Amino acid sequence: MRILVLSDCHNRLFGAKEALDRENDATAVFYLGDGLDAMRALLKDYPKLRLYAVAGNCDRCIDEPLYGIEKIGGHTIFYTHGHLYGVKSGSERLLEISRNLGADLCLYGHTHIPDIDYRGGVILVNPGSVSLGRTSKNTYAVLDITPNGLIPSIKVL
């Protein structure tokens, strides 16, 4: 099973559309906030994809929660935008919360910097930004759930 992880489009959909078209074998999308209304509108063109979404600090008047927990393919996924957890200063709070929730995967955004980190039985994945990457490139993440476990990767647009 392939899952697409997107964040921080800030209503600029060119990168999100390219990622969705590239990863046409994905079955679900986790959208981690900032540009959520625009992402919802875009995903109407991809009706087979299941959307899991949270609001970010730049999403106004959005009814989406600020975090979520899902069980998919035998894995517990904690996902959030990250602004409430101080992710620009590190991911220690996310790691602690993930462990307390029994999550083996944590997805977060907000920093616009892609990262994959394995710590203490938890995989932390930040897909970066699909439209305003701070590493000079726009990025997203792919999660492959296989019989051998989770395989996360960062993709450059």
C-alpha atoms as a PDB file:
ATOM      1  CA  MET A   1       0.000   0.000   0.000  1.00  0.00           C
ATOM      2  CA  ARG A   2       1.294   3.440  -0.935  1.00  0.00           C
ATOM      3  CA  ILE A   3       0.384   6.590   0.975  1.00  0.00           C
ATOM      4  CA  LEU A   4       1.165  10.115  -0.179  1.00  0.00           C
ATOM      5  CA  VAL A   5       2.089  12.732   2.446  1.00  0.00           C
ATOM      6  CA  LEU A   6       1.718  16.399   1.501  1.00  0.00           C
ATOM      7  CA  SER A   7       1.989  19.609   3.496  1.00  0.00           C
ATOM      8  CA  ASP A   8       2.127  23.365   3.231  1.00  0.00           C
ATOM      9  CA  CYS A   9       0.861  24.103  -0.281  1.00  0.00           C
ATOM     10  CA  HIS A  10      -0.356  27.523   0.947  1.00  0.00           C
ATOM     11  CA  ASN A  11      -3.005  27.516  -1.818  1.00  0.00           C
ATOM     12  CA  ARG A  12      -0.391  27.019  -4.566  1.00  0.00           C
ATOM     13  CA  LEU A  13      -1.476  23.705  -6.073  1.00  0.00           C
ATOM     14  CA  PHE A  14       1.040  23.118  -8.890  1.00  0.00           C
ATOM     15  CA  GLY A  15       3.321  20.955  -6.736  1.00  0.00           C
ATOM     16  CA  ALA A  16       0.468  19.048  -5.110  1.00  0.00           C
ATOM     17  CA  LYS A  17      -1.050  18.264  -8.517  1.00  0.00           C
ATOM     18  CA  GLU A  18       2.310  17.059  -9.827  1.00  0.00           C
ATOM     19  CA  ALA A  19       2.800  14.824  -6.775  1.00  0.00           C
ATOM     20  CA  LEU A  20      -0.726  13.379  -7.115  1.00  0.00           C
ATOM     21  CA  ASP A  21      -0.182  12.657 -10.809  1.00  0.00           C
ATOM     22  CA  ARG A  22       3.235  11.070 -10.201  1.00  0.00           C
ATOM     23  CA  GLU A  23       2.023   8.822  -7.380  1.00  0.00           C
ATOM     24  CA  ASN A  24      -1.077   7.529  -9.150  1.00  0.00           C
ATOM     25  CA  ASP A  25      -0.840   4.190  -7.328  1.00  0.00           C
ATOM     26  CA  ALA A  26      -1.383   5.818  -3.912  1.00  0.00           C
ATOM     27  CA  THR A  27      -4.526   4.817  -2.049  1.00  0.00           C
ATOM     28  CA  ALA A  28      -4.560   7.629   0.519  1.00  0.00           C
ATOM     29  CA  VAL A  29      -3.269  11.145   1.136  1.00  0.00           C
ATOM     30  CA  PHE A  30      -2.301  12.647   4.465  1.00  0.00           C
ATOM     31  CA  TYR A  31      -2.475  16.425   4.177  1.00  0.00           C
ATOM     32  CA  LEU A  32      -0.737  18.139   7.076  1.00  0.00           C
ATOM     33  CA  GLY A  33      -2.188  21.626   6.831  1.00  0.00           C
ATOM     34  CA  ASP A  34      -1.712  25.149   5.463  1.00  0.00           C
ATOM     35  CA  GLY A  35      -3.787  25.341   2.306  1.00  0.00           C
ATOM     36  CA  LEU A  36      -6.374  22.781   3.331  1.00  0.00           C
ATOM     37  CA  ASP A  37      -9.340  24.290   1.451  1.00  0.00           C
ATOM     38  CA  ALA A  38      -7.369  24.400  -1.793  1.00  0.00           C
ATOM     39  CA  MET A  39      -6.190  20.811  -1.262  1.00  0.00           C
ATOM     40  CA  ARG A  40      -9.759  19.607  -0.666  1.00  0.00           C
ATOM     41  CA  ALA A  41     -10.835  21.271  -3.918  1.00  0.00           C
ATOM     42  CA  LEU A  42      -7.954  19.676  -5.838  1.00  0.00           C
ATOM     43  CA  LEU A  43      -8.690  16.217  -4.436  1.00  0.00           C
ATOM     44  CA  LYS A  44     -12.168  16.288  -5.987  1.00  0.00           C
ATOM     45  CA  ASP A  45     -10.290  15.411  -9.203  1.00  0.00           C
ATOM     46  CA  TYR A  46      -8.880  12.288  -7.472  1.00  0.00           C
ATOM     47  CA  PRO A  47     -11.985  10.580  -6.041  1.00  0.00           C
ATOM     48  CA  LYS A  48     -10.283   7.234  -5.375  1.00  0.00           C
ATOM     49  CA  LEU A  49      -7.903   8.738  -2.809  1.00  0.00           C
ATOM     50  CA  ARG A  50      -8.869   8.648   0.866  1.00  0.00           C
ATOM     51  CA  LEU A  51      -8.023  11.963   2.547  1.00  0.00           C
ATOM     52  CA  TYR A  52      -6.745  12.291   6.113  1.00  0.00           C
ATOM     53  CA  ALA A  53      -6.262  15.957   6.958  1.00  0.00           C
ATOM     54  CA  VAL A  54      -5.433  18.351   9.750  1.00  0.00           C
ATOM     55  CA  ALA A  55      -5.519  22.123   9.868  1.00  0.00           C
ATOM     56  CA  GLY A  56      -2.341  24.159  10.027  1.00  0.00           C
ATOM     57  CA  ASN A  57      -1.594  27.534  11.574  1.00  0.00           C
ATOM     58  CA  CYS A  58      -2.465  29.341   8.309  1.00  0.00           C
ATOM     59  CA  ASP A  59      -5.809  27.554   7.821  1.00  0.00           C
ATOM     60  CA  ARG A  60      -8.591  29.853   8.977  1.00  0.00           C
ATOM     61  CA  CYS A  61     -12.199  28.865   9.662  1.00  0.00           C
ATOM     62  CA  ILE A  62     -11.410  25.205   9.095  1.00  0.00           C
ATOM     63  CA  ASP A  63     -13.329  22.506  10.928  1.00  0.00           C
ATOM     64  CA  GLU A  64     -10.541  19.963  10.632  1.00  0.00           C
ATOM     65  CA  PRO A  65      -8.814  18.848  13.822  1.00  0.00           C
ATOM     66  CA  LEU A  66      -5.266  19.875  14.698  1.00  0.00           C
ATOM     67  CA  TYR A  67      -4.109  16.254  14.970  1.00  0.00           C
ATOM     68  CA  GLY A  68      -5.308  12.779  14.157  1.00  0.00           C
ATOM     69  CA  ILE A  69      -4.585   9.136  14.884  1.00  0.00           C
ATOM     70  CA  GLU A  70      -5.198   6.384  12.329  1.00  0.00           C
ATOM     71  CA  LYS A  71      -4.465   2.676  12.194  1.00  0.00           C
ATOM     72  CA  ILE A  72      -3.481   1.594   8.700  1.00  0.00           C
ATOM     73  CA  GLY A  73      -1.817  -1.617   7.597  1.00  0.00           C
ATOM     74  CA  GLY A  74      -1.006  -2.662  11.157  1.00  0.00           C
ATOM     75  CA  HIS A  75       0.613   0.691  12.003  1.00  0.00           C
ATOM     76  CA  THR A  76      -0.564   3.487  14.274  1.00  0.00           C
ATOM     77  CA  ILE A  77      -0.067   6.907  12.694  1.00  0.00           C
ATOM     78  CA  PHE A  78      -0.096  10.175  14.643  1.00  0.00           C
ATOM     79  CA  TYR A  79      -0.343  13.174  12.307  1.00  0.00           C
ATOM     80  CA  THR A  80      -0.396  16.924  12.866  1.00  0.00           C
ATOM     81  CA  HIS A  81       0.759  20.163  11.290  1.00  0.00           C
ATOM     82  CA  GLY A  82       3.337  20.620  14.045  1.00  0.00           C
ATOM     83  CA  HIS A  83       3.021  24.280  15.004  1.00  0.00           C
ATOM     84  CA  LEU A  84       1.552  23.433  18.419  1.00  0.00           C
ATOM     85  CA  TYR A  85       4.482  21.140  19.230  1.00  0.00           C
ATOM     86  CA  GLY A  86       7.454  23.443  18.644  1.00  0.00           C
ATOM     87  CA  VAL A  87       8.735  21.534  15.612  1.00  0.00           C
ATOM     88  CA  LYS A  88      10.854  24.444  14.426  1.00  0.00           C
ATOM     89  CA  SER A  89      12.961  23.839  17.539  1.00  0.00           C
ATOM     90  CA  GLY A  90      13.029  20.045  17.268  1.00  0.00           C
ATOM     91  CA  SER A  91      10.814  16.986  17.250  1.00  0.00           C
ATOM     92  CA  GLU A  92      11.234  15.806  20.851  1.00  0.00           C
ATOM     93  CA  ARG A  93       7.636  16.674  21.846  1.00  0.00           C
ATOM     94  CA  LEU A  94       6.277  14.826  18.814  1.00  0.00           C
ATOM     95  CA  LEU A  95       8.368  11.793  19.683  1.00  0.00           C
ATOM     96  CA  GLU A  96       7.077  11.803  23.274  1.00  0.00           C
ATOM     97  CA  ILE A  97       3.441  12.176  22.180  1.00  0.00           C
ATOM     98  CA  SER A  98       3.829   9.461  19.551  1.00  0.00           C
ATOM     99  CA  ARG A  99       5.226   7.056  22.133  1.00  0.00           C
ATOM    100  CA  ASN A 100       2.454   7.892  24.609  1.00  0.00           C
ATOM    101  CA  LEU A 101      -0.160   7.200  21.925  1.00  0.00           C
ATOM    102  CA  GLY A 102       1.488   3.932  20.899  1.00  0.00           C
ATOM    103  CA  ALA A 103       2.190   5.323  17.414  1.00  0.00           C
ATOM    104  CA  ASP A 104       5.039   3.895  15.386  1.00  0.00           C
ATOM    105  CA  LEU A 105       4.774   6.643  12.750  1.00  0.00           C
ATOM    106  CA  CYS A 106       4.473  10.418  13.192  1.00  0.00           C
ATOM    107  CA  LEU A 107       3.718  12.740  10.260  1.00  0.00           C
ATOM    108  CA  TYR A 108       4.168  16.495  10.620  1.00  0.00           C
ATOM    109  CA  GLY A 109       4.787  19.638   8.563  1.00  0.00           C
ATOM    110  CA  HIS A 110       5.127  23.359   9.329  1.00  0.00           C
ATOM    111  CA  THR A 111       8.907  23.675   8.887  1.00  0.00           C
ATOM    112  CA  HIS A 112       8.868  23.335   5.060  1.00  0.00           C
ATOM    113  CA  ILE A 113      12.017  21.212   5.466  1.00  0.00           C
ATOM    114  CA  PRO A 114      11.800  17.513   4.564  1.00  0.00           C
ATOM    115  CA  ASP A 115      13.094  15.017   7.092  1.00  0.00           C
ATOM    116  CA  ILE A 116      12.895  11.338   7.975  1.00  0.00           C
ATOM    117  CA  ASP A 117      14.100  10.348  11.430  1.00  0.00           C
ATOM    118  CA  TYR A 118      14.015   6.956  13.180  1.00  0.00           C
ATOM    119  CA  ARG A 119      14.095   7.257  16.980  1.00  0.00           C
ATOM    120  CA  GLY A 120      13.062   4.943  19.748  1.00  0.00           C
ATOM    121  CA  GLY A 121      10.739   2.792  17.682  1.00  0.00           C
ATOM    122  CA  VAL A 122       9.033   5.771  16.002  1.00  0.00           C
ATOM    123  CA  ILE A 123       9.518   6.983  12.443  1.00  0.00           C
ATOM    124  CA  LEU A 124       9.095  10.765  12.189  1.00  0.00           C
ATOM    125  CA  VAL A 125       8.374  12.058   8.680  1.00  0.00           C
ATOM    126  CA  ASN A 126       8.154  15.660   7.559  1.00  0.00           C
ATOM    127  CA  PRO A 127       7.380  15.858   3.822  1.00  0.00           C
ATOM    128  CA  GLY A 128       8.576  19.452   3.515  1.00  0.00           C
ATOM    129  CA  SER A 129       6.423  21.735   1.365  1.00  0.00           C
ATOM    130  CA  VAL A 130       4.920  21.017  -2.050  1.00  0.00           C
ATOM    131  CA  SER A 131       5.062  24.696  -3.002  1.00  0.00           C
ATOM    132  CA  LEU A 132       7.358  26.693  -0.723  1.00  0.00           C
ATOM    133  CA  GLY A 133      10.270  24.413   0.107  1.00  0.00           C
ATOM    134  CA  ARG A 134      12.942  25.946   2.302  1.00  0.00           C
ATOM    135  CA  THR A 135      15.656  23.667   0.934  1.00  0.00           C
ATOM    136  CA  SER A 136      15.388  25.283  -2.525  1.00  0.00           C
ATOM    137  CA  LYS A 137      13.248  22.381  -3.754  1.00  0.00           C
ATOM    138  CA  ASN A 138       9.595  21.540  -3.253  1.00  0.00           C
ATOM    139  CA  THR A 139       9.084  18.099  -1.747  1.00  0.00           C
ATOM    140  CA  TYR A 140       6.586  15.515  -0.553  1.00  0.00           C
ATOM    141  CA  ALA A 141       6.806  12.097   1.066  1.00  0.00           C
ATOM    142  CA  VAL A 142       5.695   8.606   0.114  1.00  0.00           C
ATOM    143  CA  LEU A 143       5.031   5.835   2.631  1.00  0.00           C
ATOM    144  CA  ASP A 144       5.051   2.285   1.375  1.00  0.00           C
ATOM    145  CA  ILE A 145       3.489  -0.164   3.815  1.00  0.00           C
ATOM    146  CA  THR A 146       4.923  -3.580   3.026  1.00  0.00           C
ATOM    147  CA  PRO A 147       4.962  -6.969   4.751  1.00  0.00           C
ATOM    148  CA  ASN A 148       8.485  -6.025   5.913  1.00  0.00           C
ATOM    149  CA  GLY A 149       7.372  -2.727   7.481  1.00  0.00           C
ATOM    150  CA  LEU A 150       7.156   0.961   6.643  1.00  0.00           C
ATOM    151  CA  ILE A 151       9.370   2.429   3.952  1.00  0.00           C
ATOM    152  CA  PRO A 152       9.269   6.241   3.919  1.00  0.00           C
ATOM    153  CA  SER A 153      10.927   8.339   1.233  1.00  0.00           C
ATOM    154  CA  ILE A 154      11.179  12.009   0.305  1.00  0.00           C
ATOM    155  CA  LYS A 155      10.485  12.968  -3.304  1.00  0.00           C
ATOM    156  CA  VAL A 156      11.670  16.161  -4.995  1.00  0.00           C
ATOM    157  CA  LEU A 157       9.429  18.035  -7.413  1.00  0.00           C
END
